[in-house]
Amino acid sequence: MFDFEIISRKKKFHFADEQLKLYSDFYSSDIILASPLGLRIAIGTPGEKEFDYDFLSSIEMVILDQSDVFLMQNWEHMTFIFDNLNLMPSKPRSADFSRIRNWYLNGWAKYYRQNLIFSSFSTPELNALWNRKCNNMFGKYQVKDIQKEGSIVKVVNQTKQVFRRLNCDNLADLDNFRFEFFVNEILAHMNKTVQTHVMIYIPSYFDYVRLRNYFKKEEIPFCRCDEYMEPSDIGRARSFFASGRTSFMLFTERFHFFHRFKIRGIHNILFYQPPTYPQFYAELLNLMEETDATCTILFSKFDKLQMERVIGTTRANQMISAEKSTFLLV
């Protein structure tokens, strides 16, 4: 099975008599090309009559190409697919049981499956998938790059960059801890000093929804740019922010990934969490033209992989282990 982002639904291939037949039936196909969403739709939903995962029972090789792009979609689709790989079929169909190996019948097929994962960088989601779902009996091998400098060297203006570490030791409490820190420390300071033209960059859509609801509840004027907005609403939000009619813009990472609009009027930018793609950090900072522009980044020890890609491995380790929790870079 091959998974590619560029395929929207599904493509199935069958080799026969030196010919390649497209769109063959799942149970007579040799190769499946699919996006995570397309394969999830083909499998169906548990409990429905059309739910069928049997065609994934005999998968011998899985290749995830450009896996980092899957993070800009619903990652739950990927975990769902791996949960349904190499399971015991619910129906015998036309299987020749005399040709089935014993280790398949014993439920050991997942330990013989080859898994090839390619990504521009490492993330906690990919590491979890690699550690929990890829367990070949012959072992596994992982190659990683050491980030010596990070994308911060591509920032061309003299923006004051403040890194603030969140001293939270429990990953389960991190989301609430980050939100409370933002409300009580960051937002309170911005309101006190009357800061305007503030872009709040939010990698997680769940965090974005939480902040959006909080701004609405507290009646704080803001505009927003997310991946689900209509073009007319996006243009209106960009105009309001550039002219200063709203002081805050909530800006999602997926919006920047899919659109790459040039946002004008940024005087201050807050990274609610380090960006997944390191180049986004330099891209957004280079949009700021003010001489007194500032940038604030909230991070924790659980954001080490993202921090390495932004400021380099050595500097990230120093910031995470240092006694002080605020760091200033110019």
Protein backbone atom coordinates (compact mmCIF):
# COMPACT_ATOMS: atom_id res chain seq x y z
CA MET A 1 0.00 0.00 0.00
CA PHE A 2 1.25 3.48 -0.86
CA ASP A 3 -0.17 6.63 0.72
CA PHE A 4 0.17 9.90 -1.14
CA GLU A 5 -1.31 13.28 -0.34
CA ILE A 6 -1.71 14.12 -4.04
CA ILE A 7 -4.37 11.45 -4.54
CA SER A 8 -7.74 12.78 -3.41
CA ARG A 9 -9.72 9.56 -3.20
CA LYS A 10 -8.30 6.17 -4.23
CA LYS A 11 -6.49 4.44 -7.08
CA LYS A 12 -6.07 0.68 -7.34
CA PHE A 13 -3.67 -1.21 -9.57
CA HIS A 14 -3.53 -4.83 -10.68
CA PHE A 15 -0.67 -6.50 -12.55
CA ALA A 16 -1.72 -9.17 -15.02
CA ASP A 17 -0.13 -10.57 -18.20
CA GLU A 18 2.42 -7.75 -18.45
CA GLN A 19 -0.36 -5.20 -18.19
CA LEU A 20 -1.27 -2.67 -15.54
CA LYS A 21 -5.00 -2.43 -14.90
CA LEU A 22 -6.31 0.66 -13.15
CA TYR A 23 -9.24 0.83 -10.76
CA SER A 24 -9.49 -2.88 -10.12
CA ASP A 25 -11.43 -4.24 -7.18
CA PHE A 26 -9.74 -3.88 -3.80
CA TYR A 27 -9.50 -7.64 -3.33
CA SER A 28 -7.81 -8.16 -6.71
CA SER A 29 -5.43 -5.18 -6.48
CA ASP A 30 -1.69 -5.40 -5.98
CA ILE A 31 -1.09 -1.71 -5.14
CA ILE A 32 -3.32 0.87 -3.49
CA LEU A 33 -2.57 4.59 -3.84
CA ALA A 34 -4.64 6.68 -1.46
CA SER A 35 -4.72 9.75 0.71
CA PRO A 36 -5.54 9.14 4.40
CA LEU A 37 -9.00 10.67 3.93
CA GLY A 38 -9.69 8.71 0.75
CA LEU A 39 -8.75 5.42 2.37
CA ARG A 40 -10.75 6.28 5.47
CA ILE A 41 -13.83 6.88 3.29
CA ALA A 42 -13.23 3.57 1.48
CA ILE A 43 -13.08 1.68 4.79
CA GLY A 44 -16.16 3.34 6.21
CA THR A 45 -17.25 3.94 9.77
CA PRO A 46 -17.48 1.20 12.44
CA GLY A 47 -21.09 0.15 12.91
CA GLU A 48 -22.16 0.94 9.36
CA LYS A 49 -23.17 -1.78 6.91
CA GLU A 50 -20.49 -0.71 4.41
CA PHE A 51 -17.67 -0.83 6.98
CA ASP A 52 -14.98 -3.06 5.47
CA TYR A 53 -11.29 -3.33 6.34
CA ASP A 54 -10.63 -6.86 5.08
CA PHE A 55 -8.73 -5.64 2.01
CA LEU A 56 -6.06 -4.27 4.39
CA SER A 57 -5.48 -7.64 6.05
CA SER A 58 -2.78 -8.79 3.59
CA ILE A 59 -0.81 -5.55 3.29
CA GLU A 60 2.91 -6.36 3.19
CA MET A 61 4.41 -2.89 2.71
CA VAL A 62 3.31 0.61 3.72
CA ILE A 63 4.99 3.73 2.34
CA LEU A 64 4.11 7.15 3.74
CA ASP A 65 5.51 9.84 1.46
CA GLN A 66 5.68 13.48 2.58
CA SER A 67 4.26 12.46 5.93
CA ASP A 68 4.62 15.97 7.37
CA VAL A 69 1.86 17.12 4.99
CA PHE A 70 -0.56 14.70 6.65
CA LEU A 71 -0.22 16.78 9.81
CA MET A 72 -2.02 19.61 8.02
CA GLN A 73 -5.03 17.30 7.75
CA ASN A 74 -6.81 15.21 10.35
CA TRP A 75 -4.11 12.99 11.86
CA GLU A 76 -6.77 10.71 13.34
CA HIS A 77 -7.34 9.30 9.83
CA MET A 78 -3.77 8.00 9.80
CA THR A 79 -4.02 6.30 13.20
CA PHE A 80 -7.36 4.78 12.21
CA ILE A 81 -5.83 3.24 9.07
CA PHE A 82 -2.92 1.72 11.00
CA ASP A 83 -5.33 0.34 13.59
CA ASN A 84 -7.08 -1.60 10.80
CA LEU A 85 -3.99 -2.95 9.05
CA ASN A 86 -3.29 -6.72 9.06
CA LEU A 87 -6.35 -7.65 11.09
CA MET A 88 -8.03 -11.03 10.77
CA PRO A 89 -10.58 -10.81 7.90
CA SER A 90 -14.23 -10.96 8.87
CA LYS A 91 -15.10 -13.13 5.81
CA PRO A 92 -13.12 -15.88 4.02
CA ARG A 93 -14.17 -14.59 0.56
CA SER A 94 -12.26 -16.49 -2.15
CA ALA A 95 -9.10 -17.09 -0.11
CA ASP A 96 -7.07 -20.24 -0.70
CA PHE A 97 -6.34 -21.34 2.86
CA SER A 98 -3.68 -23.80 1.72
CA ARG A 99 -1.51 -20.83 0.66
CA ILE A 100 -1.94 -18.77 3.82
CA ARG A 101 1.11 -18.77 6.06
CA ASN A 102 0.72 -19.78 9.69
CA TRP A 103 2.02 -16.47 11.01
CA TYR A 104 -0.87 -14.74 9.24
CA LEU A 105 -3.36 -17.04 10.96
CA ASN A 106 -1.62 -16.39 14.28
CA GLY A 107 -2.12 -12.64 13.88
CA TRP A 108 1.56 -11.88 13.41
CA ALA A 109 1.27 -10.22 9.99
CA LYS A 110 1.92 -6.75 11.43
CA TYR A 111 5.34 -7.93 12.61
CA TYR A 112 6.31 -8.91 9.04
CA ARG A 113 4.93 -5.73 7.40
CA GLN A 114 7.54 -3.30 6.07
CA ASN A 115 6.96 0.37 6.91
CA LEU A 116 8.73 3.23 5.12
CA ILE A 117 8.01 6.73 6.44
CA PHE A 118 9.43 9.82 4.74
CA SER A 119 9.11 13.27 6.26
CA SER A 120 10.86 16.65 6.07
CA PHE A 121 11.22 16.60 9.84
CA SER A 122 10.34 14.64 12.95
CA THR A 123 7.20 15.30 14.98
CA PRO A 124 5.65 13.72 18.10
CA GLU A 125 2.79 12.32 15.99
CA LEU A 126 5.14 10.60 13.56
CA ASN A 127 7.32 9.31 16.39
CA ALA A 128 4.27 7.86 18.14
CA LEU A 129 3.13 6.16 14.92
CA TRP A 130 6.65 4.83 14.36
CA ASN A 131 7.03 3.50 17.90
CA ARG A 132 3.55 2.04 18.40
CA LYS A 133 2.39 0.89 14.97
CA CYS A 134 5.61 -0.07 13.16
CA ASN A 135 6.99 -3.17 14.85
CA ASN A 136 8.76 -5.27 12.25
CA MET A 137 10.36 -8.39 13.71
CA PHE A 138 13.66 -7.61 11.96
CA GLY A 139 13.95 -4.22 13.67
CA LYS A 140 13.71 -0.67 12.39
CA TYR A 141 15.98 2.20 11.48
CA GLN A 142 15.44 5.94 11.78
CA VAL A 143 17.48 8.79 10.28
CA LYS A 144 17.30 12.31 11.72
CA ASP A 145 18.95 15.61 10.86
CA ILE A 146 20.74 17.70 13.48
CA GLN A 147 19.56 21.31 13.30
CA LYS A 148 22.70 23.40 13.76
CA GLU A 149 21.26 26.87 13.27
CA GLY A 150 17.53 26.66 12.63
CA SER A 151 15.31 28.93 10.56
CA ILE A 152 16.01 31.91 12.83
CA VAL A 153 19.07 32.73 10.70
CA LYS A 154 16.72 33.56 7.81
CA VAL A 155 15.13 36.45 9.72
CA VAL A 156 16.43 39.56 7.97
CA ASN A 157 14.98 42.37 10.11
CA GLN A 158 16.00 43.44 13.62
CA THR A 159 12.91 42.14 15.37
CA LYS A 160 13.19 41.67 19.13
CA GLN A 161 12.43 38.00 19.79
CA VAL A 162 11.37 36.90 23.26
CA PHE A 163 11.15 33.18 24.06
CA ARG A 164 9.11 32.35 27.16
CA ARG A 165 9.24 28.84 28.57
CA LEU A 166 6.16 27.28 30.13
CA ASN A 167 7.27 25.32 33.18
CA CYS A 168 4.71 22.54 32.94
CA ASP A 169 5.87 18.99 33.74
CA ASN A 170 2.70 17.14 32.75
CA LEU A 171 1.83 16.86 29.06
CA ALA A 172 -1.84 16.27 29.88
CA ASP A 173 -2.01 19.66 31.63
CA LEU A 174 -0.02 21.59 29.02
CA ASP A 175 -2.97 22.88 26.97
CA ASN A 176 -4.70 24.36 30.04
CA PHE A 177 -1.40 25.67 31.39
CA ARG A 178 -0.60 27.41 28.10
CA PHE A 179 -4.07 28.94 27.89
CA GLU A 180 -3.97 30.27 31.45
CA PHE A 181 -0.48 31.67 30.91
CA PHE A 182 -1.60 33.42 27.75
CA VAL A 183 -4.67 34.97 29.37
CA ASN A 184 -3.08 36.00 32.67
CA GLU A 185 0.39 36.99 31.48
CA ILE A 186 0.51 37.72 27.77
CA LEU A 187 -2.95 39.11 27.00
CA ALA A 188 -3.15 41.06 30.26
CA HIS A 189 0.19 42.74 29.46
CA MET A 190 -0.92 43.54 25.90
CA ASN A 191 -4.11 45.16 27.13
CA LYS A 192 -2.23 47.11 29.79
CA THR A 193 0.30 48.50 27.33
CA VAL A 194 -2.37 48.98 24.63
CA GLN A 195 -0.55 46.97 21.99
CA THR A 196 -2.13 46.97 18.52
CA HIS A 197 -1.61 45.09 15.25
CA VAL A 198 -0.97 41.83 17.13
CA MET A 199 -1.00 38.59 15.17
CA ILE A 200 -1.48 35.43 17.27
CA TYR A 201 -0.13 32.42 15.37
CA ILE A 202 -1.80 29.16 16.50
CA PRO A 203 -0.57 25.76 15.18
CA SER A 204 -3.35 23.66 16.73
CA TYR A 205 -6.91 24.16 15.50
CA PHE A 206 -8.27 23.11 18.90
CA ASP A 207 -6.28 25.90 20.57
CA TYR A 208 -7.54 28.29 17.90
CA VAL A 209 -11.18 27.45 18.65
CA ARG A 210 -10.53 27.91 22.37
CA LEU A 211 -8.97 31.34 21.89
CA ARG A 212 -11.65 32.40 19.42
CA ASN A 213 -14.39 31.51 21.88
CA TYR A 214 -12.57 33.33 24.68
CA PHE A 215 -12.19 36.52 22.62
CA LYS A 216 -15.89 36.39 21.77
CA LYS A 217 -16.89 35.77 25.38
CA GLU A 218 -14.77 38.64 26.69
CA GLU A 219 -15.92 40.86 23.80
CA ILE A 220 -12.36 41.59 22.70
CA PRO A 221 -12.36 42.99 19.12
CA PHE A 222 -10.47 40.67 16.80
CA CYS A 223 -10.35 39.32 13.28
CA ARG A 224 -9.35 35.82 12.22
CA CYS A 225 -7.89 33.87 9.34
CA ASP A 226 -8.48 30.13 9.27
CA GLU A 227 -8.62 27.49 6.57
CA TYR A 228 -12.42 27.25 6.59
CA MET A 229 -13.16 30.90 5.81
CA GLU A 230 -14.56 32.20 2.52
CA PRO A 231 -12.26 34.38 0.36
CA SER A 232 -14.45 37.44 0.95
CA ASP A 233 -14.20 37.02 4.73
CA ILE A 234 -10.44 36.56 4.49
CA GLY A 235 -10.07 39.76 2.48
CA ARG A 236 -12.19 41.67 4.99
CA ALA A 237 -10.14 40.37 7.93
CA ARG A 238 -6.84 41.31 6.26
CA SER A 239 -8.14 44.81 5.50
CA PHE A 240 -9.40 45.38 9.06
CA PHE A 241 -6.09 44.23 10.54
CA ALA A 242 -3.89 46.27 8.18
CA SER A 243 -5.90 49.46 8.83
CA GLY A 244 -5.90 48.94 12.60
CA ARG A 245 -9.68 48.59 12.92
CA THR A 246 -8.99 45.44 14.97
CA SER A 247 -5.99 45.04 17.26
CA PHE A 248 -5.79 41.24 17.23
CA MET A 249 -5.72 38.66 14.46
CA LEU A 250 -6.08 34.94 15.23
CA PHE A 251 -4.06 33.18 12.54
CA THR A 252 -3.98 29.39 12.12
CA GLU A 253 -1.00 27.41 10.86
CA ARG A 254 -3.09 25.49 8.34
CA PHE A 255 -4.30 28.77 6.83
CA HIS A 256 -0.71 29.85 6.21
CA PHE A 257 0.18 26.38 4.88
CA PHE A 258 -2.60 26.36 2.28
CA HIS A 259 -2.72 30.04 1.29
CA ARG A 260 0.55 31.89 2.13
CA PHE A 261 -1.14 35.30 2.01
CA LYS A 262 1.01 38.33 2.75
CA ILE A 263 -0.45 39.86 5.89
CA ARG A 264 0.20 43.60 6.17
CA GLY A 265 0.27 45.69 9.30
CA ILE A 266 1.92 43.24 11.71
CA HIS A 267 3.62 45.17 14.53
CA ASN A 268 3.69 42.37 17.09
CA ILE A 269 3.46 38.64 16.62
CA LEU A 270 2.84 35.97 19.24
CA PHE A 271 3.53 32.31 18.51
CA TYR A 272 1.11 30.49 20.78
CA GLN A 273 3.31 27.45 20.15
CA PRO A 274 6.43 27.03 17.97
CA PRO A 275 5.45 26.44 14.33
CA THR A 276 5.49 22.95 12.88
CA TYR A 277 7.25 24.11 9.72
CA PRO A 278 10.39 26.07 10.65
CA GLN A 279 10.30 28.26 7.53
CA PHE A 280 6.99 29.75 8.69
CA TYR A 281 8.81 31.46 11.56
CA ALA A 282 11.13 33.44 9.28
CA GLU A 283 8.40 34.08 6.71
CA LEU A 284 6.11 35.80 9.18
CA LEU A 285 8.83 37.76 10.97
CA ASN A 286 10.09 39.08 7.65
CA LEU A 287 6.63 40.52 6.96
CA MET A 288 7.03 43.01 9.82
CA GLU A 289 8.33 46.40 8.70
CA GLU A 290 8.16 48.33 11.97
CA THR A 291 11.49 49.19 13.62
CA ASP A 292 10.09 48.45 17.08
CA ALA A 293 8.40 45.18 16.09
CA THR A 294 8.38 42.40 18.68
CA CYS A 295 7.95 38.66 18.56
CA THR A 296 7.03 36.41 21.50
CA ILE A 297 7.20 32.61 21.40
CA LEU A 298 5.62 30.37 24.03
CA PHE A 299 7.27 26.97 24.35
CA SER A 300 7.68 24.09 26.76
CA LYS A 301 10.03 21.16 27.04
CA PHE A 302 7.48 19.13 25.05
CA ASP A 303 8.05 21.47 22.08
CA LYS A 304 11.71 20.54 21.77
CA LEU A 305 11.48 19.21 18.21
CA GLN A 306 9.84 22.40 16.93
CA MET A 307 12.30 24.57 18.86
CA GLU A 308 15.27 22.73 17.36
CA ARG A 309 14.07 23.54 13.86
CA VAL A 310 13.62 27.22 14.74
CA ILE A 311 16.74 28.04 16.80
CA GLY A 312 18.97 24.98 16.42
CA THR A 313 19.51 21.90 18.55
CA THR A 314 22.19 23.30 20.87
CA ARG A 315 20.36 26.51 21.68
CA ALA A 316 17.05 24.66 22.15
CA ASN A 317 18.61 22.31 24.70
CA GLN A 318 20.05 25.27 26.58
CA MET A 319 16.71 27.10 26.73
CA ILE A 320 14.82 24.02 27.90
CA SER A 321 17.29 23.16 30.68
CA ALA A 322 18.21 26.70 31.84
CA GLU A 323 17.07 28.01 35.23
CA LYS A 324 15.57 31.20 33.80
CA SER A 325 12.43 30.94 31.67
CA THR A 326 12.67 34.10 29.51
CA PHE A 327 15.19 34.56 26.72
CA LEU A 328 15.77 37.59 24.50
CA LEU A 329 17.25 37.37 21.02
CA VAL A 330 17.78 40.28 18.64
